[in-house]
PDB file of N, CA and C in Angstrom:
ATOM      1  N   LEU A   1       0.165   4.021  12.387  1.00  0.00           N
ATOM      2  CA  LEU A   1      -0.654   2.580  12.697  1.00  0.00           C
ATOM      3  C   LEU A   1      -0.640   2.611  13.723  1.00  0.00           C
ATOM      4  N   ASP A   2       0.538   2.365  14.401  1.00  0.00           N
ATOM      5  CA  ASP A   2       0.085   1.506  15.691  1.00  0.00           C
ATOM      6  C   ASP A   2      -0.842   1.702  17.052  1.00  0.00           C
ATOM      7  N   LEU A   3      -1.104   3.297  16.761  1.00  0.00           N
ATOM      8  CA  LEU A   3      -1.937   4.083  17.293  1.00  0.00           C
ATOM      9  C   LEU A   3      -3.500   3.851  16.943  1.00  0.00           C
ATOM     10  N   PHE A   4      -3.526   3.837  15.615  1.00  0.00           N
ATOM     11  CA  PHE A   4      -5.067   3.294  15.295  1.00  0.00           C
ATOM     12  C   PHE A   4      -5.087   2.271  15.505  1.00  0.00           C
ATOM     13  N   MET A   5      -4.167   0.835  15.347  1.00  0.00           N
ATOM     14  CA  MET A   5      -4.438  -0.622  16.006  1.00  0.00           C
ATOM     15  C   MET A   5      -4.609  -0.690  17.068  1.00  0.00           C
ATOM     16  N   LYS A   6      -4.090   0.308  17.810  1.00  0.00           N
ATOM     17  CA  LYS A   6      -4.395   0.281  19.508  1.00  0.00           C
ATOM     18  C   LYS A   6      -5.952   0.684  19.749  1.00  0.00           C
ATOM     19  N   GLU A   7      -6.219   1.311  18.874  1.00  0.00           N
ATOM     20  CA  GLU A   7      -7.217   2.452  19.074  1.00  0.00           C
ATOM     21  C   GLU A   7      -8.183   1.459  18.298  1.00  0.00           C
ATOM     22  N   LYS A   8      -8.439   0.153  17.987  1.00  0.00           N
ATOM     23  CA  LYS A   8      -9.278  -0.371  17.148  1.00  0.00           C
ATOM     24  C   LYS A   8      -9.902   0.426  16.046  1.00  0.00           C
ATOM     25  N   ASP A   9      -9.161   1.594  15.626  1.00  0.00           N
ATOM     26  CA  ASP A   9      -9.717   2.393  14.508  1.00  0.00           C
ATOM     27  C   ASP A   9      -9.299   1.901  12.902  1.00  0.00           C
ATOM     28  N   TYR A  10      -9.394   0.628  12.774  1.00  0.00           N
ATOM     29  CA  TYR A  10      -9.317   0.023  11.470  1.00  0.00           C
ATOM     30  C   TYR A  10      -9.257   0.434   9.996  1.00  0.00           C
ATOM     31  N   ALA A  11     -10.318   1.293  10.057  1.00  0.00           N
ATOM     32  CA  ALA A  11     -11.132   1.721   9.030  1.00  0.00           C
ATOM     33  C   ALA A  11      -9.359   3.062   8.848  1.00  0.00           C
ATOM     34  N   ASP A  12      -9.205   3.711   9.565  1.00  0.00           N
ATOM     35  CA  ASP A  12      -7.799   4.279   9.130  1.00  0.00           C
ATOM     36  C   ASP A  12      -6.634   3.735   9.389  1.00  0.00           C
ATOM     37  N   VAL A  13      -6.631   2.699   9.839  1.00  0.00           N
ATOM     38  CA  VAL A  13      -5.423   1.891   9.543  1.00  0.00           C
ATOM     39  C   VAL A  13      -5.134   1.698   7.955  1.00  0.00           C
ATOM     40  N   ILE A  14      -6.442   1.268   7.318  1.00  0.00           N
ATOM     41  CA  ILE A  14      -6.432   0.412   6.021  1.00  0.00           C
ATOM     42  C   ILE A  14      -6.217   2.141   5.525  1.00  0.00           C
ATOM     43  N   ARG A  15      -6.724   3.159   5.451  1.00  0.00           N
ATOM     44  CA  ARG A  15      -6.443   4.554   4.957  1.00  0.00           C
ATOM     45  C   ARG A  15      -5.124   4.371   5.074  1.00  0.00           C
ATOM     46  N   GLU A  16      -4.051   4.844   6.330  1.00  0.00           N
ATOM     47  CA  GLU A  16      -2.803   5.591   6.043  1.00  0.00           C
ATOM     48  C   GLU A  16      -2.179   4.429   5.858  1.00  0.00           C
ATOM     49  N   ALA A  17      -2.166   2.971   5.962  1.00  0.00           N
ATOM     50  CA  ALA A  17      -1.702   2.055   5.141  1.00  0.00           C
ATOM     51  C   ALA A  17      -1.576   2.150   3.653  1.00  0.00           C
ATOM     52  N   GLN A  18      -2.670   2.513   2.872  1.00  0.00           N
ATOM     53  CA  GLN A  18      -2.811   2.643   1.755  1.00  0.00           C
ATOM     54  C   GLN A  18      -1.694   3.755   0.950  1.00  0.00           C
ATOM     55  N   GLU A  19      -1.667   5.082   1.675  1.00  0.00           N
ATOM     56  CA  GLU A  19      -1.251   5.871   1.856  1.00  0.00           C
ATOM     57  C   GLU A  19       0.628   5.637   1.894  1.00  0.00           C
ATOM     58  N   ILE A  20       0.910   4.704   3.127  1.00  0.00           N
ATOM     59  CA  ILE A  20       2.220   4.745   2.966  1.00  0.00           C
ATOM     60  C   ILE A  20       2.423   3.850   1.723  1.00  0.00           C
ATOM     61  N   VAL A  21       2.029   3.019   1.224  1.00  0.00           N
ATOM     62  CA  VAL A  21       2.400   2.041  -0.134  1.00  0.00           C
ATOM     63  C   VAL A  21       2.316   2.472  -0.825  1.00  0.00           C
ATOM     64  N   GLU A  22       1.086   3.582  -1.258  1.00  0.00           N
ATOM     65  CA  GLU A  22       1.597   4.822  -2.157  1.00  0.00           C
ATOM     66  C   GLU A  22       2.637   5.684  -2.476  1.00  0.00           C
ATOM     67  N   LEU A  23       2.965   6.211  -1.375  1.00  0.00           N
ATOM     68  CA  LEU A  23       4.527   7.045  -1.350  1.00  0.00           C
ATOM     69  C   LEU A  23       5.606   6.233  -1.384  1.00  0.00           C
ATOM     70  N   VAL A  24       5.845   4.845  -1.271  1.00  0.00           N
ATOM     71  CA  VAL A  24       6.918   4.128  -0.696  1.00  0.00           C
ATOM     72  C   VAL A  24       6.706   3.653  -2.738  1.00  0.00           C
ATOM     73  N   GLN A  25       5.290   3.562  -3.106  1.00  0.00           N
ATOM     74  CA  GLN A  25       5.759   3.338  -4.775  1.00  0.00           C
ATOM     75  C   GLN A  25       6.332   4.433  -5.410  1.00  0.00           C
ATOM     76  N   LYS A  26       5.841   5.521  -5.195  1.00  0.00           N
ATOM     77  CA  LYS A  26       6.431   6.622  -5.950  1.00  0.00           C
ATOM     78  C   LYS A  26       7.889   6.855  -5.790  1.00  0.00           C
ATOM     79  N   ALA A  27       7.853   6.462  -4.447  1.00  0.00           N
ATOM     80  CA  ALA A  27       9.899   6.839  -3.869  1.00  0.00           C
ATOM     81  C   ALA A  27      10.563   6.145  -4.817  1.00  0.00           C
ATOM     82  N   MET A  28       9.968   4.959  -4.718  1.00  0.00           N
ATOM     83  CA  MET A  28      11.053   3.742  -5.730  1.00  0.00           C
ATOM     84  C   MET A  28      10.826   4.421  -7.126  1.00  0.00           C
ATOM     85  N   LEU A  29       9.767   4.777  -7.626  1.00  0.00           N
ATOM     86  CA  LEU A  29       9.999   5.205  -8.864  1.00  0.00           C
ATOM     87  C   LEU A  29      10.975   6.305  -9.066  1.00  0.00           C
ATOM     88  N   ILE A  30      10.706   6.966  -7.915  1.00  0.00           N
ATOM     89  CA  ILE A  30      11.590   8.456  -8.268  1.00  0.00           C
ATOM     90  C   ILE A  30      13.071   7.831  -7.989  1.00  0.00           C
ATOM     91  N   ARG A  31      13.215   6.781  -7.284  1.00  0.00           N
ATOM     92  CA  ARG A  31      14.934   6.294  -6.865  1.00  0.00           C
ATOM     93  C   ARG A  31      15.412   5.988  -8.513  1.00  0.00           C
ATOM     94  N   SER A  32      14.520   5.243  -8.885  1.00  0.00           N
ATOM     95  CA  SER A  32      14.829   4.683 -11.025  1.00  0.00           C
ATOM     96  C   SER A  32      15.312   5.673 -11.235  1.00  0.00           C
ATOM     97  N   GLY A  33      14.254   7.204 -11.519  1.00  0.00           N
ATOM     98  CA  GLY A  33      14.878   8.011 -12.271  1.00  0.00           C
ATOM     99  C   GLY A  33      13.381   8.361 -13.085  1.00  0.00           C
ATOM    100  N   ILE A  34      12.321   7.609 -12.790  1.00  0.00           N
ATOM    101  CA  ILE A  34      10.847   7.829 -13.216  1.00  0.00           C
ATOM    102  C   ILE A  34      10.129   8.868 -12.327  1.00  0.00           C
ATOM    103  N   THR A  35       9.377   9.700 -13.513  1.00  0.00           N
ATOM    104  CA  THR A  35       8.357  10.650 -12.485  1.00  0.00           C
ATOM    105  C   THR A  35       7.793  10.013 -12.539  1.00  0.00           C
ATOM    106  N   PRO A  36       6.632   9.865 -10.983  1.00  0.00           N
ATOM    107  CA  PRO A  36       5.605   9.170 -10.628  1.00  0.00           C
ATOM    108  C   PRO A  36       4.602   9.886 -11.565  1.00  0.00           C
ATOM    109  N   PRO A  37       2.884   9.134 -11.965  1.00  0.00           N
ATOM    110  CA  PRO A  37       2.333   9.838 -12.420  1.00  0.00           C
ATOM    111  C   PRO A  37       1.244  10.229 -11.076  1.00  0.00           C
ATOM    112  N   LYS A  38       0.001  10.834 -11.235  1.00  0.00           N
ATOM    113  CA  LYS A  38      -0.835  11.573 -10.698  1.00  0.00           C
ATOM    114  C   LYS A  38      -2.018  10.550  -9.708  1.00  0.00           C
ATOM    115  N   TRP A  39      -2.032   9.382 -10.096  1.00  0.00           N
ATOM    116  CA  TRP A  39      -2.694   8.128  -9.873  1.00  0.00           C
ATOM    117  C   TRP A  39      -1.879   7.542  -8.827  1.00  0.00           C
ATOM    118  N   HIS A  40      -2.694   7.016  -7.995  1.00  0.00           N
ATOM    119  CA  HIS A  40      -2.438   5.916  -6.398  1.00  0.00           C
ATOM    120  C   HIS A  40      -1.915   4.953  -6.295  1.00  0.00           C
ATOM    121  N   ASP A  41      -2.117   4.078  -8.025  1.00  0.00           N
ATOM    122  CA  ASP A  41      -1.417   2.797  -7.721  1.00  0.00           C
ATOM    123  C   ASP A  41      -0.599   2.779  -8.835  1.00  0.00           C
ATOM    124  N   VAL A  42       1.149   2.758  -8.660  1.00  0.00           N
ATOM    125  CA  VAL A  42       1.884   2.762  -9.907  1.00  0.00           C
ATOM    126  C   VAL A  42       2.649   1.337  -9.381  1.00  0.00           C
ATOM    127  N   ILE A  43       1.878   0.382  -9.021  1.00  0.00           N
ATOM    128  CA  ILE A  43       2.721  -0.944  -8.847  1.00  0.00           C
ATOM    129  C   ILE A  43       2.917  -1.137 -10.280  1.00  0.00           C
ATOM    130  N   ASP A  44       1.969  -1.192 -11.311  1.00  0.00           N
ATOM    131  CA  ASP A  44       2.131  -1.756 -12.564  1.00  0.00           C
ATOM    132  C   ASP A  44       3.535  -0.938 -13.110  1.00  0.00           C
ATOM    133  N   ILE A  45       3.638   0.682 -13.390  1.00  0.00           N
ATOM    134  CA  ILE A  45       4.513   1.180 -13.959  1.00  0.00           C
ATOM    135  C   ILE A  45       6.057   0.465 -13.184  1.00  0.00           C
ATOM    136  N   ILE A  46       6.209   0.350 -11.634  1.00  0.00           N
ATOM    137  CA  ILE A  46       7.186  -0.245 -11.131  1.00  0.00           C
ATOM    138  C   ILE A  46       7.683  -1.641 -11.993  1.00  0.00           C
ATOM    139  N   LEU A  47       6.548  -2.783 -12.353  1.00  0.00           N
ATOM    140  CA  LEU A  47       6.791  -3.463 -12.703  1.00  0.00           C
ATOM    141  C   LEU A  47       6.977  -4.030 -14.270  1.00  0.00           C
ATOM    142  N   GLU A  48       6.331  -2.688 -14.942  1.00  0.00           N
ATOM    143  CA  GLU A  48       6.777  -2.772 -16.075  1.00  0.00           C
ATOM    144  C   GLU A  48       8.468  -2.262 -16.390  1.00  0.00           C
ATOM    145  N   ASN A  49       8.973  -1.375 -15.350  1.00  0.00           N
ATOM    146  CA  ASN A  49      10.346  -0.956 -15.904  1.00  0.00           C
ATOM    147  C   ASN A  49      10.994  -2.113 -14.874  1.00  0.00           C
ATOM    148  N   SER A  50      10.770  -3.316 -14.835  1.00  0.00           N
ATOM    149  CA  SER A  50      11.648  -4.231 -13.449  1.00  0.00           C
ATOM    150  C   SER A  50      12.905  -4.034 -14.197  1.00  0.00           C
ATOM    151  N   HIS A  51      13.350  -3.436 -15.067  1.00  0.00           N
ATOM    152  CA  HIS A  51      15.024  -3.916 -15.485  1.00  0.00           C
ATOM    153  C   HIS A  51      15.692  -2.813 -15.027  1.00  0.00           C
ATOM    154  N   ARG A  52      14.616  -1.669 -14.231  1.00  0.00           N
ATOM    155  CA  ARG A  52      15.783  -0.566 -13.562  1.00  0.00           C
ATOM    156  C   ARG A  52      15.885  -1.085 -11.291  1.00  0.00           C
ATOM    157  N   PHE A  53      15.348  -2.013 -11.382  1.00  0.00           N
ATOM    158  CA  PHE A  53      15.126  -2.437  -9.982  1.00  0.00           C
ATOM    159  C   PHE A  53      15.885  -3.958  -9.805  1.00  0.00           C
ATOM    160  N   PRO A  54      15.859  -3.864  -8.378  1.00  0.00           N
ATOM    161  CA  PRO A  54      16.996  -5.433  -8.215  1.00  0.00           C
ATOM    162  C   PRO A  54      16.034  -7.125  -8.336  1.00  0.00           C
ATOM    163  N   GLU A  55      16.193  -7.998  -8.927  1.00  0.00           N
ATOM    164  CA  GLU A  55      15.328  -8.603  -9.242  1.00  0.00           C
ATOM    165  C   GLU A  55      14.552  -9.445  -8.098  1.00  0.00           C
ATOM    166  N   ASP A  56      15.048  -9.314  -7.035  1.00  0.00           N
ATOM    167  CA  ASP A  56      14.735  -9.956  -5.696  1.00  0.00           C
ATOM    168  C   ASP A  56      13.303  -8.745  -5.156  1.00  0.00           C
ATOM    169  N   LEU A  57      13.719  -7.706  -5.466  1.00  0.00           N
ATOM    170  CA  LEU A  57      12.700  -6.558  -5.354  1.00  0.00           C
ATOM    171  C   LEU A  57      11.578  -6.616  -6.036  1.00  0.00           C
ATOM    172  N   ILE A  58      11.493  -7.536  -7.448  1.00  0.00           N
ATOM    173  CA  ILE A  58      10.663  -7.415  -8.565  1.00  0.00           C
ATOM    174  C   ILE A  58       9.872  -8.453  -8.004  1.00  0.00           C
ATOM    175  N   LYS A  59      10.590  -9.704  -7.793  1.00  0.00           N
ATOM    176  CA  LYS A  59      10.152 -10.946  -7.462  1.00  0.00           C
ATOM    177  C   LYS A  59       8.842 -10.409  -5.996  1.00  0.00           C
ATOM    178  N   THR A  60       9.334  -9.993  -4.911  1.00  0.00           N
ATOM    179  CA  THR A  60       8.327 -10.138  -4.188  1.00  0.00           C
ATOM    180  C   THR A  60       7.355  -9.055  -4.298  1.00  0.00           C
ATOM    181  N   LEU A  61       7.658  -8.021  -5.415  1.00  0.00           N
ATOM    182  CA  LEU A  61       6.558  -6.684  -5.345  1.00  0.00           C
ATOM    183  C   LEU A  61       5.396  -7.734  -6.725  1.00  0.00           C
ATOM    184  N   ARG A  62       5.623  -8.305  -6.983  1.00  0.00           N
ATOM    185  CA  ARG A  62       4.858  -9.498  -7.939  1.00  0.00           C
ATOM    186  C   ARG A  62       3.842 -10.673  -7.184  1.00  0.00           C
ATOM    187  N   GLU A  63       4.943 -10.683  -6.291  1.00  0.00           N
ATOM    188  CA  GLU A  63       3.986 -11.528  -4.852  1.00  0.00           C
ATOM    189  C   GLU A  63       2.772 -11.267  -4.161  1.00  0.00           C
ATOM    190  N   LEU A  64       2.884  -9.552  -4.049  1.00  0.00           N
ATOM    191  CA  LEU A  64       2.175  -8.369  -3.182  1.00  0.00           C
ATOM    192  C   LEU A  64       1.384  -8.065  -4.499  1.00  0.00           C
ATOM    193  N   ARG A  65       1.652  -8.054  -5.606  1.00  0.00           N
ATOM    194  CA  ARG A  65       0.723  -7.176  -6.378  1.00  0.00           C
ATOM    195  C   ARG A  65      -1.051  -7.045  -5.925  1.00  0.00           C
ATOM    196  N   ALA A  66      -1.272  -8.543  -5.809  1.00  0.00           N
ATOM    197  CA  ALA A  66      -2.136  -8.419  -5.651  1.00  0.00           C
ATOM    198  C   ALA A  66      -3.292  -7.713  -4.404  1.00  0.00           C
ATOM    199  N   LEU A  67      -2.811  -7.940  -3.092  1.00  0.00           N
ATOM    200  CA  LEU A  67      -2.916  -7.221  -2.159  1.00  0.00           C
ATOM    201  C   LEU A  67      -2.873  -6.274  -1.824  1.00  0.00           C
ATOM    202  N   THR A  68      -1.709  -5.558  -3.064  1.00  0.00           N
ATOM    203  CA  THR A  68      -1.629  -3.887  -2.867  1.00  0.00           C
ATOM    204  C   THR A  68      -2.607  -3.202  -3.681  1.00  0.00           C
ATOM    205  N   LYS A  69      -3.101  -3.996  -4.783  1.00  0.00           N
ATOM    206  CA  LYS A  69      -4.548  -3.839  -5.385  1.00  0.00           C
ATOM    207  C   LYS A  69      -5.628  -3.774  -4.631  1.00  0.00           C
ATOM    208  N   TRP A  70      -5.722  -4.732  -3.785  1.00  0.00           N
ATOM    209  CA  TRP A  70      -6.774  -4.919  -2.739  1.00  0.00           C
ATOM    210  C   TRP A  70      -6.723  -3.602  -2.238  1.00  0.00           C
ATOM    211  N   LEU A  71      -5.680  -3.255  -1.332  1.00  0.00           N
ATOM    212  CA  LEU A  71      -5.643  -2.125  -0.730  1.00  0.00           C
ATOM    213  C   LEU A  71      -5.824  -0.563  -1.341  1.00  0.00           C
ATOM    214  N   ARG A  72      -5.207  -0.389  -2.333  1.00  0.00           N
ATOM    215  CA  ARG A  72      -5.707   0.438  -3.262  1.00  0.00           C
ATOM    216  C   ARG A  72      -6.922   0.593  -3.397  1.00  0.00           C
ATOM    217  N   SER A  73      -7.955  -0.477  -3.618  1.00  0.00           N
ATOM    218  CA  SER A  73      -9.604  -0.050  -4.196  1.00  0.00           C
ATOM    219  C   SER A  73     -10.093   0.111  -2.845  1.00  0.00           C
ATOM    220  N   GLN A  74      -9.461   0.074  -1.320  1.00  0.00           N
ATOM    221  CA  GLN A  74      -9.826   0.464  -0.226  1.00  0.00           C
ATOM    222  C   GLN A  74      -9.683   1.771  -0.107  1.00  0.00           C
ATOM    223  N   ARG A  75      -8.789   2.210  -0.587  1.00  0.00           N
ATOM    224  CA  ARG A  75      -8.814   4.061  -0.500  1.00  0.00           C
ATOM    225  C   ARG A  75     -10.115   4.754   0.176  1.00  0.00           C
ATOM    226  N   GLU A  76     -10.587   5.128  -1.144  1.00  0.00           N
ATOM    227  CA  GLU A  76     -11.791   5.975  -0.534  1.00  0.00           C
ATOM    228  C   GLU A  76     -13.177   5.682   0.107  1.00  0.00           C
ATOM    229  N   ILE A  77     -13.219   3.945  -0.003  1.00  0.00           N
ATOM    230  CA  ILE A  77     -14.058   3.055   0.903  1.00  0.00           C
ATOM    231  C   ILE A  77     -13.603   3.354   2.012  1.00  0.00           C
ATOM    232  N   ALA A  78     -12.655   3.424   2.622  1.00  0.00           N
ATOM    233  CA  ALA A  78     -11.931   3.617   4.340  1.00  0.00           C
ATOM    234  C   ALA A  78     -12.225   5.119   4.364  1.00  0.00           C
ATOM    235  N   PHE A  79     -12.469   6.035   3.584  1.00  0.00           N
ATOM    236  CA  PHE A  79     -12.518   7.584   3.662  1.00  0.00           C
ATOM    237  C   PHE A  79     -13.958   7.815   3.785  1.00  0.00           C
ATOM    238  N   TYR A  80     -14.575   7.492   2.925  1.00  0.00           N
ATOM    239  CA  TYR A  80     -16.509   7.970   2.507  1.00  0.00           C
ATOM    240  C   TYR A  80     -17.424   6.520   2.836  1.00  0.00           C
ATOM    241  N   GLY A  81     -16.777   5.324   2.897  1.00  0.00           N
ATOM    242  CA  GLY A  81     -17.723   3.874   3.014  1.00  0.00           C
ATOM    243  C   GLY A  81     -18.353   4.023   1.679  1.00  0.00           C
ATOM    244  N   GLN A  82     -19.397   3.421   1.907  1.00  0.00           N
ATOM    245  CA  GLN A  82     -20.602   3.139   0.719  1.00  0.00           C
ATOM    246  C   GLN A  82     -21.818   2.840   1.553  1.00  0.00           C
ATOM    247  N   PRO A  83     -22.944   2.927   0.883  1.00  0.00           N
ATOM    248  CA  PRO A  83     -24.463   2.664   1.262  1.00  0.00           C
ATOM    249  C   PRO A  83     -24.318   1.729   1.987  1.00  0.00           C
ATOM    250  N   ASP A  84     -23.753   0.737   1.803  1.00  0.00           N
ATOM    251  CA  ASP A  84     -24.047  -0.536   2.215  1.00  0.00           C
ATOM    252  C   ASP A  84     -22.726  -1.220   3.043  1.00  0.00           C
ATOM    253  N   PHE A  85     -21.778  -0.019   3.378  1.00  0.00           N
ATOM    254  CA  PHE A  85     -20.662  -0.351   3.844  1.00  0.00           C
ATOM    255  C   PHE A  85     -20.014   0.939   4.835  1.00  0.00           C
ATOM    256  N   ILE A  86     -20.077   0.495   6.182  1.00  0.00           N
ATOM    257  CA  ILE A  86     -19.499   1.414   7.260  1.00  0.00           C
ATOM    258  C   ILE A  86     -18.344   1.370   7.666  1.00  0.00           C
ATOM    259  N   PRO A  87     -17.388   1.949   7.086  1.00  0.00           N
ATOM    260  CA  PRO A  87     -15.962   1.644   7.329  1.00  0.00           C
ATOM    261  C   PRO A  87     -15.384   1.516   9.140  1.00  0.00           C
ATOM    262  N   THR A  88     -16.069   2.747   9.903  1.00  0.00           N
ATOM    263  CA  THR A  88     -15.559   2.278  11.400  1.00  0.00           C
ATOM    264  C   THR A  88     -16.620   1.115  11.843  1.00  0.00           C
ATOM    265  N   GLU A  89     -17.451   0.343  11.027  1.00  0.00           N
ATOM    266  CA  GLU A  89     -18.024  -0.813  11.508  1.00  0.00           C
ATOM    267  C   GLU A  89     -17.181  -1.764  10.812  1.00  0.00           C
ATOM    268  N   ASP A  90     -17.207  -1.994   9.815  1.00  0.00           N
ATOM    269  CA  ASP A  90     -17.288  -2.840   9.147  1.00  0.00           C
ATOM    270  C   ASP A  90     -15.802  -3.328   8.418  1.00  0.00           C
ATOM    271  N   TYR A  91     -15.063  -2.706   8.780  1.00  0.00           N
ATOM    272  CA  TYR A  91     -13.497  -3.525   7.959  1.00  0.00           C
ATOM    273  C   TYR A  91     -13.145  -4.197   9.868  1.00  0.00           C
ATOM    274  N   THR A  92     -12.251  -4.973   9.131  1.00  0.00           N
ATOM    275  CA  THR A  92     -12.141  -6.257  10.792  1.00  0.00           C
ATOM    276  C   THR A  92     -11.010  -5.920  10.820  1.00  0.00           C
ATOM    277  N   GLU A  93     -10.451  -6.692  12.091  1.00  0.00           N
ATOM    278  CA  GLU A  93      -8.899  -6.706  12.850  1.00  0.00           C
ATOM    279  C   GLU A  93      -7.943  -7.296  11.463  1.00  0.00           C
ATOM    280  N   GLU A  94      -8.551  -8.593  11.375  1.00  0.00           N
ATOM    281  CA  GLU A  94      -7.759  -9.160  10.244  1.00  0.00           C
ATOM    282  C   GLU A  94      -7.485  -8.214   8.648  1.00  0.00           C
ATOM    283  N   ASP A  95      -8.441  -7.328   8.284  1.00  0.00           N
ATOM    284  CA  ASP A  95      -8.485  -6.169   7.554  1.00  0.00           C
ATOM    285  C   ASP A  95      -6.960  -5.613   7.754  1.00  0.00           C
ATOM    286  N   ALA A  96      -7.417  -5.006   8.727  1.00  0.00           N
ATOM    287  CA  ALA A  96      -6.204  -3.753   9.260  1.00  0.00           C
ATOM    288  C   ALA A  96      -5.091  -4.298   9.342  1.00  0.00           C
ATOM    289  N   ARG A  97      -5.016  -5.712   9.966  1.00  0.00           N
ATOM    290  CA  ARG A  97      -3.534  -6.166   9.918  1.00  0.00           C
ATOM    291  C   ARG A  97      -3.123  -6.615   8.778  1.00  0.00           C
ATOM    292  N   GLU A  98      -3.601  -6.751   7.411  1.00  0.00           N
ATOM    293  CA  GLU A  98      -3.044  -7.133   6.475  1.00  0.00           C
ATOM    294  C   GLU A  98      -2.415  -6.158   6.020  1.00  0.00           C
ATOM    295  N   ALA A  99      -3.434  -5.173   5.956  1.00  0.00           N
ATOM    296  CA  ALA A  99      -2.733  -3.512   5.571  1.00  0.00           C
ATOM    297  C   ALA A  99      -1.780  -3.206   6.525  1.00  0.00           C
ATOM    298  N   TYR A 100      -1.625  -3.003   7.475  1.00  0.00           N
ATOM    299  CA  TYR A 100      -0.337  -2.606   8.512  1.00  0.00           C
ATOM    300  C   TYR A 100       0.370  -3.262   7.984  1.00  0.00           C
ATOM    301  N   GLN A 101       0.645  -5.112   7.703  1.00  0.00           N
ATOM    302  CA  GLN A 101       1.581  -5.859   7.365  1.00  0.00           C
ATOM    303  C   GLN A 101       2.435  -5.708   5.735  1.00  0.00           C
ATOM    304  N   LEU A 102       1.451  -5.109   4.900  1.00  0.00           N
ATOM    305  CA  LEU A 102       1.683  -4.774   3.898  1.00  0.00           C
ATOM    306  C   LEU A 102       2.486  -3.384   3.381  1.00  0.00           C
ATOM    307  N   ALA A 103       1.984  -2.310   4.284  1.00  0.00           N
ATOM    308  CA  ALA A 103       2.819  -0.753   4.356  1.00  0.00           C
ATOM    309  C   ALA A 103       4.132  -1.711   5.285  1.00  0.00           C
ATOM    310  N   SER A 104       3.914  -2.400   6.118  1.00  0.00           N
ATOM    311  CA  SER A 104       5.625  -2.413   6.837  1.00  0.00           C
ATOM    312  C   SER A 104       6.564  -3.103   5.933  1.00  0.00           C
ATOM    313  N   ARG A 105       6.166  -4.121   5.295  1.00  0.00           N
ATOM    314  CA  ARG A 105       7.081  -4.821   4.165  1.00  0.00           C
ATOM    315  C   ARG A 105       7.199  -4.044   3.200  1.00  0.00           C
ATOM    316  N   TYR A 106       6.564  -2.907   2.270  1.00  0.00           N
ATOM    317  CA  TYR A 106       7.126  -1.946   1.586  1.00  0.00           C
ATOM    318  C   TYR A 106       8.241  -0.813   2.370  1.00  0.00           C
ATOM    319  N   ILE A 107       7.847  -0.766   3.054  1.00  0.00           N
ATOM    320  CA  ILE A 107       8.812   0.489   4.371  1.00  0.00           C
ATOM    321  C   ILE A 107      10.003  -0.823   4.420  1.00  0.00           C
ATOM    322  N   GLN A 108      10.280  -2.108   4.755  1.00  0.00           N
ATOM    323  CA  GLN A 108      11.219  -2.931   4.366  1.00  0.00           C
ATOM    324  C   GLN A 108      12.090  -3.026   3.096  1.00  0.00           C
ATOM    325  N   LEU A 109      10.844  -3.545   1.961  1.00  0.00           N
ATOM    326  CA  LEU A 109      11.957  -3.445   0.566  1.00  0.00           C
ATOM    327  C   LEU A 109      12.357  -2.080   0.490  1.00  0.00           C
ATOM    328  N   TYR A 110      12.089  -1.000   0.548  1.00  0.00           N
ATOM    329  CA  TYR A 110      12.521   0.382   0.419  1.00  0.00           C
ATOM    330  C   TYR A 110      13.803   0.344   1.016  1.00  0.00           C
ATOM    331  N   HIS A 111      13.963   0.546   2.043  1.00  0.00           N
ATOM    332  CA  HIS A 111      15.410   0.452   2.977  1.00  0.00           C
ATOM    333  C   HIS A 111      16.103  -0.715   2.243  1.00  0.00           C
ATOM    334  N   LYS A 112      15.728  -1.813   1.622  1.00  0.00           N
ATOM    335  CA  LYS A 112      16.793  -2.192   1.105  1.00  0.00           C
ATOM    336  C   LYS A 112      17.473  -1.564  -0.189  1.00  0.00           C
ATOM    337  N   LEU A 113      16.512  -0.672  -0.661  1.00  0.00           N
ATOM    338  CA  LEU A 113      16.840  -0.051  -1.937  1.00  0.00           C
ATOM    339  C   LEU A 113      18.354   0.930  -1.589  1.00  0.00           C
ATOM    340  N   LEU A 114      18.025   1.364   0.006  1.00  0.00           N
ATOM    341  CA  LEU A 114      19.203   2.815   0.179  1.00  0.00           C
ATOM    342  C   LEU A 114      20.561   2.352   0.710  1.00  0.00           C
TER     343      LEU A 114
END
């Protein structure tokens, strides 16, 4: 992500950050004994199984849920764009920073589980 930020490639920051968040969420599920589904956003499954996770983790994930959902909604758009949205032109540094910070936060949360 650092390289993409340095190059101001904000669409790739969004895309890669989403993949990081997804993989960390799925690692959390696996660590708790749950086989993750084949879809991209599994935060609701984690929250539904909150009894398997530390209370402070669940509290933080509830706070991050809306931003996590936003990042998931950007996955395909960051890859392919839309007729009225060109990822390489329309994502801002602020968008990329939010995604970057969210991915970093998820990595930190996972390290606390170890």
